[in-house]
Amino acid sequence: MATGRLGVGETLEALNAAVGPGSPVWFKETHARHLRVRDFLAPRSALQARFRDGQVPECVFRAVSCLQGPGVAPVLRCAPTPAGLSLQLQRPAVFEHVLGALASYATPAKPASPGPRVVLHCPALRCNSGTLRLSQLRAVLVADHLVRVLRAHGVRVCSVPPVRDPHMSTFLQKLRVEWPTASKSTSTETLRTCVLANLNGSKEATLPPGVLGRLCLKELVEQRGTAGYDPSIDHCLVTEDVLSVLSELQEAVRHWPEGGHPGPAGRPDAGVDDCVVIHVVSCEEAFQQQKLDLLWQKLDDRAPHKQKHLVCGPVKMAGVPGTQLTAPQYYRLRHAQVCEASALKHGGDLAQDPAWTETFDILSVATIKFEMLSTAPQSQLLLAHSTISTKGTKSGTFVMYNCARLATLFEGYKHGTEQGLYPTFPLVSSLDFSLLHDEGEWLLLFNSVLPFLDLLSQTVSLAGTPGLHIPVRTEMVCKFLVQLSMDFSSYYNRVHILGVSIQQGGSAGNVGKAEHTGNEDAPGCFSFRNLGHTSLVRCLLAYSF
């Protein structure tokens, strides 16, 4: 039996190593139809390219069948089929291994040693909240998502700039965006001195009002070569606002703030070699941010050399000619549509019911985040102006609906246990997971629980990314949550997870009696099989948006 966390990546790596040197030939199955008979497949075409006449040597069969190693899932059998070499895992053993150590599959392991410090800079948060554009809102939500993912992996992150506008702070709270606040600005005296020194005392007579000077950046752009800077960058007009931006970045790098979680607070003169600055900007702000990046390097010899730019594509709203909506207008539109859709589904004017206020707020934010994050950040995003439906399966509303189903399920079990209707939950090791033979159960574990952390690590990578721009794939998380919700919804509608209480159904050994009676609020029979169900779904709340 494997030790430690089982991983899809580790299993695939071991499978390909067992086949021998060359290109990978194995892939993981995802479709329910294929998972009925196999979990991994080496296609016949790939085997024919690897082995003469496609005949797999006996030693490869033995190596695959006896596969072992850190993170490698236990193999049940490996057999040739018309499709290729088919492999199935020991599913009960995988169920027990995963559900017996659930936390390690829901939370990334902390790194053994501290990785790079990340200063995550979102210029849009210096704007007035009332005029925030949709493209800027997208940048804010991508930045917030990036902070959460990096911190989940144990990366030390400092978010810049601290928000000083109370209206912006209120709007961020509505969006469930956690961002630091501040009441005073940082000093720009040191940077102003550097600017004047670079100007060598000369001052152009034609400078616009409020401009301290014009600094040439062409030489820096040429030095960077093909790094990704816009070759048309020539110079930068230096103003007090520009110096204020650079001062905030400089302060974050040199004096790690208390908000730079996790890690030591307020460490003076922290080295820049272990620091990466990520600028998350809208496409309208990208050119100016490149200038500021270069200006910082020109004025400060301790500016981090590792600066990355994540440019979010434009956001358009279909059916809204002329002036586009601002971010607050967009929020009010989606909030009104969520209230309208819920009223059509449940009846009555629920928007006036205080008990529904928080629910509508949460559903509105989930809808907005899914819309903004479900397309790759670098691509253009086209938003629909039409009314939201609660019947669709591709939205944040659908995901939150299934999250609420899970919460209700667990709450019902908790209350039932307190009232003596259900037995207390036994040790996972005492459950018989061979009773879990419904295809939906394996689908949830194999396609959702098992590969979740691998997927999360693929959404952003700080290691070895060449060039100026950093790829971030927020859409992968959204697609994952939608598919998870669809699989769980299908399973939930087909299988009674709790079943009948002890008082209602009698014997706990009566396994299948209540499969088609009543609903989850009026449970059927409760057995070891039902306990296995409950153990499986206990993990799913960890993947809520």
Protein backbone atom coordinates (compact mmCIF):
# COMPACT_ATOMS: atom_id res chain seq x y z
CA MET A 1 0.00 0.00 0.00
CA ALA A 2 1.30 3.47 -0.90
CA THR A 3 2.26 5.86 1.85
CA GLY A 4 1.64 9.62 1.93
CA ARG A 5 -0.79 11.44 -0.34
CA LEU A 6 -1.77 9.57 -3.49
CA GLY A 7 -1.39 11.64 -6.64
CA VAL A 8 -2.52 11.37 -10.24
CA GLY A 9 0.73 12.99 -11.39
CA GLU A 10 2.88 10.59 -9.35
CA THR A 11 0.93 7.59 -10.65
CA LEU A 12 1.24 8.70 -14.28
CA GLU A 13 4.95 9.34 -13.83
CA ALA A 14 5.49 5.85 -12.41
CA LEU A 15 3.41 4.26 -15.19
CA ASN A 16 5.41 5.97 -17.92
CA ALA A 17 8.68 5.07 -16.19
CA ALA A 18 7.59 1.42 -16.15
CA VAL A 19 7.10 1.49 -19.92
CA GLY A 20 10.65 2.74 -20.43
CA PRO A 21 12.36 5.85 -21.83
CA GLY A 22 10.49 7.91 -24.38
CA SER A 23 7.42 10.12 -24.66
CA PRO A 24 4.58 9.57 -22.15
CA VAL A 25 2.02 6.99 -23.30
CA TRP A 26 -0.39 6.82 -20.34
CA PHE A 27 -3.28 9.18 -19.61
CA LYS A 28 -5.96 9.35 -16.93
CA GLU A 29 -9.54 8.58 -17.90
CA THR A 30 -12.21 11.14 -16.96
CA HIS A 31 -15.43 10.09 -18.71
CA ALA A 32 -17.91 7.96 -16.75
CA ARG A 33 -18.32 5.50 -19.63
CA HIS A 34 -14.60 4.68 -19.68
CA LEU A 35 -14.24 4.67 -15.88
CA ARG A 36 -16.64 1.75 -15.71
CA VAL A 37 -13.85 -0.50 -17.01
CA ARG A 38 -10.54 1.33 -16.48
CA ASP A 39 -8.82 4.23 -14.75
CA PHE A 40 -5.73 4.73 -16.97
CA LEU A 41 -5.07 3.85 -20.60
CA ALA A 42 -1.99 3.55 -22.81
CA PRO A 43 -3.56 3.84 -26.31
CA ARG A 44 -2.75 1.21 -28.90
CA SER A 45 -1.36 3.83 -31.31
CA ALA A 46 1.12 5.05 -28.69
CA LEU A 47 2.21 1.49 -27.89
CA GLN A 48 2.71 0.70 -31.58
CA ALA A 49 4.98 3.74 -31.89
CA ARG A 50 6.95 2.62 -28.81
CA PHE A 51 7.20 -1.17 -29.37
CA ARG A 52 7.69 -3.21 -32.51
CA ASP A 53 4.30 -4.45 -33.81
CA GLY A 54 2.72 -2.92 -30.69
CA GLN A 55 3.66 -5.98 -28.62
CA VAL A 56 4.23 -4.90 -25.02
CA PRO A 57 7.10 -6.89 -23.42
CA GLU A 58 6.20 -9.16 -20.51
CA CYS A 59 8.58 -7.26 -18.25
CA VAL A 60 6.52 -4.08 -18.80
CA PHE A 61 3.32 -5.92 -17.82
CA ARG A 62 4.98 -7.10 -14.62
CA ALA A 63 6.40 -3.66 -13.81
CA VAL A 64 3.02 -1.97 -14.31
CA SER A 65 1.07 -4.62 -12.38
CA CYS A 66 3.45 -4.37 -9.40
CA LEU A 67 3.67 -0.57 -9.51
CA GLN A 68 4.70 1.01 -6.20
CA GLY A 69 6.28 4.19 -4.96
CA PRO A 70 5.58 7.46 -3.12
CA GLY A 71 2.17 8.81 -4.11
CA VAL A 72 1.47 5.90 -6.48
CA ALA A 73 -2.05 4.48 -6.27
CA PRO A 74 -2.31 0.68 -5.80
CA VAL A 75 -2.95 -1.29 -9.01
CA LEU A 76 -5.62 -3.99 -9.25
CA ARG A 77 -4.95 -5.26 -12.76
CA CYS A 78 -3.40 -4.35 -16.09
CA ALA A 79 -4.63 -6.00 -19.29
CA PRO A 80 -4.42 -5.55 -23.08
CA THR A 81 -7.68 -4.43 -24.73
CA PRO A 82 -8.66 -3.31 -28.25
CA ALA A 83 -8.18 0.30 -27.09
CA GLY A 84 -4.71 -0.36 -25.68
CA LEU A 85 -3.20 -1.25 -22.33
CA SER A 86 -5.91 -0.80 -19.70
CA LEU A 87 -5.25 -0.35 -15.98
CA GLN A 88 -7.63 -0.36 -13.05
CA LEU A 89 -6.79 0.66 -9.49
CA GLN A 90 -7.72 -1.06 -6.24
CA ARG A 91 -10.66 1.25 -5.70
CA PRO A 92 -11.65 0.29 -2.13
CA ALA A 93 -8.02 0.77 -1.05
CA VAL A 94 -7.90 4.18 -2.77
CA PHE A 95 -11.18 5.21 -1.11
CA GLU A 96 -9.84 4.23 2.32
CA HIS A 97 -6.47 5.89 1.76
CA VAL A 98 -7.94 9.20 0.57
CA LEU A 99 -10.87 9.50 2.96
CA GLY A 100 -8.73 8.43 5.89
CA ALA A 101 -6.38 11.39 5.36
CA LEU A 102 -8.77 13.92 3.86
CA ALA A 103 -7.00 17.09 4.97
CA SER A 104 -3.95 16.25 2.87
CA TYR A 105 -6.14 16.20 -0.26
CA ALA A 106 -7.94 19.47 0.45
CA THR A 107 -5.02 21.64 1.61
CA PRO A 108 -1.64 21.99 -0.13
CA ALA A 109 1.35 20.84 1.90
CA LYS A 110 3.45 23.68 3.29
CA PRO A 111 6.92 23.93 1.71
CA ALA A 112 9.84 22.62 3.78
CA SER A 113 11.68 25.92 3.32
CA PRO A 114 10.33 29.42 2.61
CA GLY A 115 9.97 30.13 -1.09
CA PRO A 116 10.14 33.55 -2.73
CA ARG A 117 8.37 36.51 -1.22
CA VAL A 118 5.69 37.84 -3.56
CA VAL A 119 4.58 41.46 -3.73
CA LEU A 120 1.28 41.38 -5.58
CA HIS A 121 0.47 44.79 -7.04
CA CYS A 122 -3.00 45.72 -8.35
CA PRO A 123 -3.01 49.38 -9.58
CA ALA A 124 -6.80 49.37 -10.09
CA LEU A 125 -7.27 49.62 -6.31
CA ARG A 126 -5.99 53.21 -6.38
CA CYS A 127 -9.06 54.21 -8.41
CA ASN A 128 -12.33 55.66 -7.23
CA SER A 129 -14.71 52.77 -6.63
CA GLY A 130 -17.56 54.65 -8.34
CA THR A 131 -15.66 54.83 -11.65
CA LEU A 132 -13.99 51.41 -11.53
CA ARG A 133 -14.19 49.86 -15.01
CA LEU A 134 -15.19 46.24 -15.61
CA SER A 135 -11.68 45.44 -16.88
CA GLN A 136 -10.28 46.84 -13.63
CA LEU A 137 -12.77 44.83 -11.59
CA ARG A 138 -11.55 41.75 -13.43
CA ALA A 139 -7.96 42.58 -12.47
CA VAL A 140 -8.99 43.01 -8.81
CA LEU A 141 -10.76 39.62 -8.70
CA VAL A 142 -7.87 37.88 -10.47
CA ALA A 143 -5.42 39.45 -7.99
CA ASP A 144 -7.54 38.32 -5.02
CA HIS A 145 -7.73 34.79 -6.45
CA LEU A 146 -3.98 34.77 -7.01
CA VAL A 147 -3.30 35.85 -3.41
CA ARG A 148 -5.49 33.04 -2.08
CA VAL A 149 -3.89 30.36 -4.28
CA LEU A 150 -0.33 31.45 -3.46
CA ARG A 151 -1.00 31.62 0.28
CA ALA A 152 -2.68 28.22 0.17
CA HIS A 153 0.66 26.89 -1.09
CA GLY A 154 2.57 28.57 1.75
CA VAL A 155 3.92 31.48 -0.32
CA ARG A 156 4.53 34.72 1.57
CA VAL A 157 2.40 37.37 -0.13
CA CYS A 158 2.13 41.12 0.43
CA SER A 159 -0.78 42.86 -1.31
CA VAL A 160 -0.18 46.38 -2.66
CA PRO A 161 -1.50 49.06 -2.59
CA PRO A 162 -3.21 49.25 0.78
CA VAL A 163 -6.69 50.69 0.15
CA ARG A 164 -7.20 54.21 1.50
CA ASP A 165 -10.59 55.06 0.00
CA PRO A 166 -13.33 53.93 2.44
CA HIS A 167 -15.81 53.55 -0.46
CA MET A 168 -13.43 51.17 -2.24
CA SER A 169 -12.95 49.25 1.00
CA THR A 170 -16.73 48.88 1.38
CA PHE A 171 -17.09 47.70 -2.21
CA LEU A 172 -14.33 45.10 -1.72
CA GLN A 173 -16.12 43.80 1.37
CA LYS A 174 -19.25 43.32 -0.74
CA LEU A 175 -17.19 41.30 -3.20
CA ARG A 176 -15.63 39.20 -0.39
CA VAL A 177 -12.20 40.46 -1.42
CA GLU A 178 -9.68 40.59 1.43
CA TRP A 179 -7.20 43.43 0.93
CA PRO A 180 -5.16 45.51 3.41
CA THR A 181 -6.11 49.09 4.21
CA ALA A 182 -4.05 52.10 5.29
CA SER A 183 -4.74 55.63 6.48
CA LYS A 184 -1.53 57.43 5.45
CA SER A 185 0.79 57.56 2.45
CA THR A 186 4.45 56.57 2.32
CA SER A 187 7.19 59.18 1.96
CA THR A 188 8.51 59.95 -1.53
CA GLU A 189 11.48 62.11 -0.51
CA THR A 190 14.18 59.54 -1.32
CA LEU A 191 12.76 58.83 -4.77
CA ARG A 192 12.32 62.54 -5.50
CA THR A 193 16.01 63.05 -4.74
CA CYS A 194 16.90 60.24 -7.17
CA VAL A 195 14.76 61.83 -9.88
CA LEU A 196 16.44 65.21 -9.48
CA ALA A 197 19.85 63.57 -9.54
CA ASN A 198 18.99 61.80 -12.80
CA LEU A 199 17.86 65.08 -14.30
CA ASN A 200 21.28 66.59 -13.46
CA GLY A 201 19.68 69.88 -12.50
CA SER A 202 18.18 70.42 -15.97
CA LYS A 203 14.51 71.26 -16.29
CA GLU A 204 12.50 71.34 -19.49
CA ALA A 205 10.48 74.49 -20.06
CA THR A 206 7.68 72.59 -21.81
CA LEU A 207 6.82 70.13 -19.04
CA PRO A 208 3.13 69.95 -18.09
CA PRO A 209 2.11 71.31 -14.67
CA GLY A 210 2.86 68.95 -11.78
CA VAL A 211 5.55 67.03 -13.67
CA LEU A 212 8.94 66.87 -11.94
CA GLY A 213 10.82 65.76 -15.02
CA ARG A 214 11.08 63.46 -18.01
CA LEU A 215 13.36 60.40 -17.70
CA CYS A 216 14.54 58.34 -20.64
CA LEU A 217 13.78 54.60 -20.46
CA LYS A 218 14.86 53.61 -23.98
CA GLU A 219 18.24 52.34 -22.84
CA LEU A 220 16.66 50.05 -20.24
CA VAL A 221 14.21 48.64 -22.82
CA GLU A 222 17.11 47.87 -25.19
CA GLN A 223 19.05 46.19 -22.38
CA ARG A 224 16.10 43.91 -21.65
CA GLY A 225 16.01 42.85 -25.32
CA THR A 226 13.26 40.26 -25.89
CA ALA A 227 12.10 40.24 -22.26
CA GLY A 228 8.65 41.41 -23.33
CA TYR A 229 8.69 45.17 -22.75
CA ASP A 230 6.94 47.28 -25.37
CA PRO A 231 9.69 48.47 -27.77
CA SER A 232 7.91 51.80 -28.25
CA ILE A 233 8.60 52.85 -24.65
CA ASP A 234 10.82 55.94 -24.82
CA HIS A 235 10.46 58.05 -21.68
CA CYS A 236 8.35 58.51 -18.55
CA LEU A 237 6.91 61.71 -17.10
CA VAL A 238 7.61 61.67 -13.36
CA THR A 239 4.89 63.08 -11.11
CA GLU A 240 4.18 62.93 -7.38
CA ASP A 241 1.55 60.24 -8.06
CA VAL A 242 4.13 58.13 -9.89
CA LEU A 243 6.59 58.51 -7.02
CA SER A 244 3.85 57.57 -4.55
CA VAL A 245 3.20 54.30 -6.44
CA LEU A 246 6.90 53.43 -6.50
CA SER A 247 7.26 54.35 -2.83
CA GLU A 248 4.51 51.88 -1.86
CA LEU A 249 6.19 49.12 -3.85
CA GLN A 250 9.59 49.98 -2.40
CA GLU A 251 8.20 49.93 1.14
CA ALA A 252 6.58 46.52 0.60
CA VAL A 253 9.83 45.00 -0.69
CA ARG A 254 12.22 46.48 1.88
CA HIS A 255 10.03 46.45 4.97
CA TRP A 256 7.83 43.36 4.88
CA PRO A 257 4.55 44.58 6.44
CA GLU A 258 2.47 42.84 9.05
CA GLY A 259 -0.07 42.07 6.34
CA GLY A 260 2.59 40.12 4.40
CA HIS A 261 1.21 36.82 5.64
CA PRO A 262 2.79 34.39 6.39
CA GLY A 263 6.30 35.15 7.60
CA PRO A 264 8.12 37.51 9.96
CA ALA A 265 6.60 40.95 10.21
CA GLY A 266 8.38 44.22 9.63
CA ARG A 267 11.74 42.75 8.69
CA PRO A 268 13.86 45.79 7.67
CA ASP A 269 15.97 45.76 4.51
CA ALA A 270 14.70 42.37 3.38
CA GLY A 271 16.78 41.14 0.46
CA VAL A 272 15.40 41.59 -3.04
CA ASP A 273 16.90 38.38 -4.42
CA ASP A 274 14.09 36.28 -2.92
CA CYS A 275 11.34 38.72 -3.94
CA VAL A 276 9.05 38.55 -6.98
CA VAL A 277 6.78 41.43 -7.89
CA ILE A 278 3.62 40.57 -9.83
CA HIS A 279 1.71 43.46 -11.40
CA VAL A 280 -1.92 42.47 -12.11
CA VAL A 281 -3.28 45.11 -14.48
CA SER A 282 -6.10 45.71 -16.93
CA CYS A 283 -5.16 45.96 -20.59
CA GLU A 284 -5.64 49.76 -20.42
CA GLU A 285 -3.06 50.02 -17.63
CA ALA A 286 -0.47 47.62 -19.08
CA PHE A 287 1.66 50.15 -21.02
CA GLN A 288 1.91 52.60 -18.12
CA GLN A 289 2.78 49.78 -15.70
CA GLN A 290 5.69 48.71 -17.89
CA LYS A 291 6.98 52.28 -17.71
CA LEU A 292 6.69 52.30 -13.91
CA ASP A 293 8.46 48.93 -13.72
CA LEU A 294 11.41 50.31 -15.72
CA LEU A 295 11.40 53.64 -13.87
CA TRP A 296 11.62 51.82 -10.53
CA GLN A 297 14.67 49.92 -11.76
CA LYS A 298 16.25 53.14 -13.02
CA LEU A 299 15.76 55.05 -9.75
CA ASP A 300 16.37 52.25 -7.23
CA ASP A 301 19.36 49.92 -7.53
CA ARG A 302 17.69 47.62 -4.98
CA ALA A 303 14.49 47.21 -6.99
CA PRO A 304 13.65 43.51 -7.56
CA HIS A 305 14.91 42.17 -10.87
CA LYS A 306 12.09 39.62 -10.96
CA GLN A 307 9.04 41.61 -11.99
CA LYS A 308 6.18 39.86 -13.76
CA HIS A 309 3.10 41.32 -15.45
CA LEU A 310 -0.32 39.68 -15.66
CA VAL A 311 -2.37 41.67 -18.18
CA CYS A 312 -6.12 41.00 -18.02
CA GLY A 313 -7.94 41.21 -21.34
CA PRO A 314 -10.76 43.66 -22.12
CA VAL A 315 -14.27 43.15 -20.73
CA LYS A 316 -17.33 43.94 -22.84
CA MET A 317 -21.01 43.62 -21.99
CA ALA A 318 -23.27 42.41 -24.79
CA GLY A 319 -26.41 44.42 -25.46
CA VAL A 320 -25.15 47.61 -23.81
CA PRO A 321 -24.33 50.09 -26.60
CA GLY A 322 -22.25 53.15 -25.92
CA THR A 323 -20.97 53.67 -22.39
CA GLN A 324 -20.06 50.47 -20.54
CA LEU A 325 -21.27 49.78 -17.01
CA THR A 326 -19.03 50.64 -14.07
CA ALA A 327 -18.16 47.91 -11.57
CA PRO A 328 -20.73 49.08 -8.94
CA GLN A 329 -23.44 49.27 -11.65
CA TYR A 330 -22.54 45.75 -12.77
CA TYR A 331 -22.78 44.49 -9.17
CA ARG A 332 -26.22 46.09 -8.72
CA LEU A 333 -27.39 44.57 -12.03
CA ARG A 334 -26.33 41.04 -11.07
CA HIS A 335 -27.74 41.43 -7.54
CA ALA A 336 -31.13 42.48 -8.94
CA GLN A 337 -31.08 39.57 -11.40
CA VAL A 338 -30.26 37.07 -8.63
CA CYS A 339 -33.19 38.39 -6.57
CA GLU A 340 -35.50 38.19 -9.60
CA ALA A 341 -34.44 34.64 -10.48
CA SER A 342 -34.89 33.49 -6.88
CA ALA A 343 -38.33 35.09 -6.69
CA LEU A 344 -39.39 33.21 -9.84
CA LYS A 345 -38.09 29.95 -8.35
CA HIS A 346 -39.38 30.30 -4.77
CA GLY A 347 -42.20 32.84 -5.17
CA GLY A 348 -42.77 36.13 -3.36
CA ASP A 349 -40.58 39.21 -3.07
CA LEU A 350 -37.66 37.57 -1.27
CA ALA A 351 -35.46 40.65 -1.73
CA GLN A 352 -37.45 42.31 1.07
CA ASP A 353 -36.97 39.37 3.43
CA PRO A 354 -34.00 40.00 5.80
CA ALA A 355 -33.43 36.24 6.10
CA TRP A 356 -32.51 36.13 2.41
CA THR A 357 -30.27 39.22 2.33
CA GLU A 358 -26.96 37.44 2.96
CA THR A 359 -27.93 34.60 0.62
CA PHE A 360 -28.53 37.00 -2.26
CA ASP A 361 -25.26 38.82 -1.52
CA ILE A 362 -23.31 35.55 -1.61
CA LEU A 363 -25.02 34.34 -4.81
CA SER A 364 -24.39 37.70 -6.52
CA VAL A 365 -20.68 37.60 -5.68
CA ALA A 366 -20.40 33.96 -6.78
CA THR A 367 -22.06 34.85 -10.10
CA ILE A 368 -19.72 37.80 -10.66
CA LYS A 369 -16.56 35.87 -9.74
CA PHE A 370 -17.47 32.99 -12.00
CA GLU A 371 -18.13 35.32 -14.90
CA MET A 372 -14.85 37.16 -14.39
CA LEU A 373 -12.65 34.12 -13.67
CA SER A 374 -14.13 31.42 -15.91
CA THR A 375 -12.30 32.80 -18.97
CA ALA A 376 -8.49 32.82 -19.09
CA PRO A 377 -7.46 36.23 -17.66
CA GLN A 378 -5.40 37.17 -20.71
CA SER A 379 -8.37 36.68 -23.09
CA GLN A 380 -11.20 39.05 -23.92
CA LEU A 381 -14.32 38.52 -21.82
CA LEU A 382 -17.85 39.10 -23.13
CA LEU A 383 -20.49 39.36 -20.42
CA ALA A 384 -24.18 38.69 -20.99
CA HIS A 385 -26.65 41.37 -19.96
CA SER A 386 -29.57 38.94 -19.88
CA THR A 387 -31.37 37.69 -16.78
CA ILE A 388 -29.67 35.02 -14.67
CA SER A 389 -31.28 31.56 -14.57
CA THR A 390 -31.10 29.28 -11.53
CA LYS A 391 -31.48 26.25 -13.83
CA GLY A 392 -28.11 26.49 -15.61
CA THR A 393 -25.15 24.31 -14.69
CA LYS A 394 -22.29 26.61 -15.76
CA SER A 395 -22.56 29.42 -13.23
CA GLY A 396 -21.44 30.31 -9.73
CA THR A 397 -25.08 30.15 -8.65
CA PHE A 398 -25.20 26.45 -9.54
CA VAL A 399 -21.99 25.76 -7.60
CA MET A 400 -23.26 27.65 -4.53
CA TYR A 401 -26.57 25.78 -4.76
CA ASN A 402 -24.75 22.46 -4.49
CA CYS A 403 -22.54 23.80 -1.73
CA ALA A 404 -25.75 24.63 0.16
CA ARG A 405 -26.97 21.08 -0.46
CA LEU A 406 -23.84 19.73 1.17
CA ALA A 407 -24.13 22.11 4.13
CA THR A 408 -27.77 21.06 4.63
CA LEU A 409 -26.77 17.41 4.42
CA PHE A 410 -24.11 17.74 7.12
CA GLU A 411 -26.34 19.89 9.30
CA GLY A 412 -29.13 17.30 9.05
CA TYR A 413 -26.75 14.53 10.06
CA LYS A 414 -25.43 16.59 12.99
CA HIS A 415 -28.92 17.31 14.34
CA GLY A 416 -30.01 13.71 13.74
CA THR A 417 -27.01 12.44 15.69
CA GLU A 418 -27.77 14.78 18.61
CA GLN A 419 -31.34 13.48 18.69
CA GLY A 420 -30.22 9.85 18.59
CA LEU A 421 -31.63 9.25 15.10
CA TYR A 422 -28.22 8.38 13.64
CA PRO A 423 -25.19 6.69 15.20
CA THR A 424 -22.03 8.71 15.70
CA PHE A 425 -19.61 8.60 12.81
CA PRO A 426 -17.21 5.64 13.16
CA LEU A 427 -13.51 5.54 12.30
CA VAL A 428 -12.96 5.61 8.57
CA SER A 429 -10.73 2.55 8.90
CA SER A 430 -13.73 0.55 10.16
CA LEU A 431 -15.82 1.16 7.03
CA ASP A 432 -16.13 -1.36 4.21
CA PHE A 433 -15.42 0.68 1.08
CA SER A 434 -16.00 -2.30 -1.19
CA LEU A 435 -19.71 -1.46 -0.79
CA LEU A 436 -19.13 1.77 -2.77
CA HIS A 437 -19.81 0.42 -6.25
CA ASP A 438 -21.96 3.22 -7.72
CA GLU A 439 -20.06 4.83 -10.61
CA GLY A 440 -20.88 8.30 -9.25
CA GLU A 441 -18.91 7.59 -6.09
CA TRP A 442 -15.71 6.78 -7.96
CA LEU A 443 -16.33 9.68 -10.35
CA LEU A 444 -16.37 12.15 -7.42
CA LEU A 445 -13.24 10.74 -5.84
CA PHE A 446 -11.15 10.07 -8.96
CA ASN A 447 -12.07 13.20 -10.94
CA SER A 448 -12.47 15.70 -8.11
CA VAL A 449 -10.93 14.82 -4.75
CA LEU A 450 -7.80 13.02 -5.96
CA PRO A 451 -6.56 15.50 -8.61
CA PHE A 452 -7.65 18.72 -6.87
CA LEU A 453 -4.25 19.80 -5.51
CA ASP A 454 -2.51 18.96 -8.78
CA LEU A 455 -4.99 21.18 -10.59
CA LEU A 456 -4.59 23.99 -8.07
CA SER A 457 -0.81 23.99 -8.51
CA GLN A 458 -1.24 24.28 -12.29
CA THR A 459 -3.25 27.51 -12.09
CA VAL A 460 -0.13 29.58 -11.43
CA SER A 461 3.59 28.86 -11.44
CA LEU A 462 6.35 31.14 -10.18
CA ALA A 463 9.20 28.80 -11.01
CA GLY A 464 11.13 29.23 -14.24
CA THR A 465 8.58 31.35 -16.11
CA PRO A 466 10.54 33.10 -18.87
CA GLY A 467 9.85 36.61 -20.10
CA LEU A 468 7.89 39.50 -18.63
CA HIS A 469 4.43 37.94 -18.48
CA ILE A 470 3.19 35.28 -16.07
CA PRO A 471 0.48 32.81 -17.12
CA VAL A 472 -2.43 32.36 -14.69
CA ARG A 473 -5.28 29.94 -15.39
CA THR A 474 -8.23 30.90 -13.19
CA GLU A 475 -10.59 29.20 -15.64
CA MET A 476 -9.28 25.78 -14.56
CA VAL A 477 -10.69 26.22 -11.05
CA CYS A 478 -14.06 27.37 -12.38
CA LYS A 479 -14.33 24.42 -14.78
CA PHE A 480 -13.33 22.08 -11.96
CA LEU A 481 -16.03 23.43 -9.63
CA VAL A 482 -18.71 23.28 -12.30
CA GLN A 483 -17.88 19.65 -13.17
CA LEU A 484 -17.68 18.74 -9.48
CA SER A 485 -21.12 20.30 -8.91
CA MET A 486 -22.60 18.50 -11.90
CA ASP A 487 -21.24 15.14 -10.74
CA PHE A 488 -22.38 15.69 -7.17
CA SER A 489 -25.83 16.93 -8.25
CA SER A 490 -26.32 13.82 -10.40
CA TYR A 491 -25.21 11.57 -7.55
CA TYR A 492 -27.30 13.44 -4.94
CA ASN A 493 -30.46 13.16 -7.06
CA ARG A 494 -29.94 9.43 -7.53
CA VAL A 495 -28.67 8.21 -4.13
CA HIS A 496 -29.99 8.86 -0.62
CA ILE A 497 -26.78 9.55 1.25
CA LEU A 498 -28.12 9.45 4.81
CA GLY A 499 -31.02 7.05 4.39
CA VAL A 500 -33.55 6.16 7.09
CA SER A 501 -32.83 6.88 10.73
CA ILE A 502 -32.47 4.10 13.29
CA GLN A 503 -35.91 4.87 14.76
CA GLN A 504 -37.58 4.96 11.32
CA GLY A 505 -35.85 2.10 9.54
CA GLY A 506 -34.82 -0.35 12.23
CA SER A 507 -31.79 -2.47 11.40
CA ALA A 508 -28.61 -0.74 10.28
CA GLY A 509 -27.82 -3.73 8.14
CA ASN A 510 -30.75 -3.02 5.83
CA VAL A 511 -28.63 -1.59 3.04
CA GLY A 512 -30.83 -0.76 0.07
CA LYS A 513 -34.33 -0.38 1.46
CA ALA A 514 -34.62 3.41 1.26
CA GLU A 515 -32.85 4.05 -2.01
CA HIS A 516 -36.08 5.19 -3.68
CA THR A 517 -38.28 6.46 -0.81
CA GLY A 518 -38.80 10.03 0.29
CA ASN A 519 -36.04 12.58 0.07
CA GLU A 520 -32.96 13.66 2.01
CA ASP A 521 -35.09 15.59 4.49
CA ALA A 522 -36.98 12.40 5.29
CA PRO A 523 -34.05 9.96 5.34
CA GLY A 524 -34.09 6.25 4.67
CA CYS A 525 -32.00 3.38 6.06
CA PHE A 526 -28.61 4.16 7.63
CA SER A 527 -25.89 1.58 7.09
CA PHE A 528 -22.16 1.17 6.65
CA ARG A 529 -22.75 1.86 2.97
CA ASN A 530 -24.45 5.15 3.90
CA LEU A 531 -21.57 5.98 6.21
CA GLY A 532 -19.22 5.45 3.29
CA HIS A 533 -21.30 7.88 1.26
CA THR A 534 -21.16 10.44 4.02
CA SER A 535 -17.41 10.02 4.40
CA LEU A 536 -16.99 10.63 0.69
CA VAL A 537 -19.00 13.84 0.57
CA ARG A 538 -17.50 15.26 3.78
CA CYS A 539 -14.60 16.48 1.67
CA LEU A 540 -16.59 18.38 -0.94
CA LEU A 541 -17.17 21.59 1.02
CA ALA A 542 -13.42 22.15 0.89
CA TYR A 543 -13.78 22.91 -2.82
CA SER A 544 -16.49 25.58 -2.54
CA PHE A 545 -15.67 28.74 -4.47
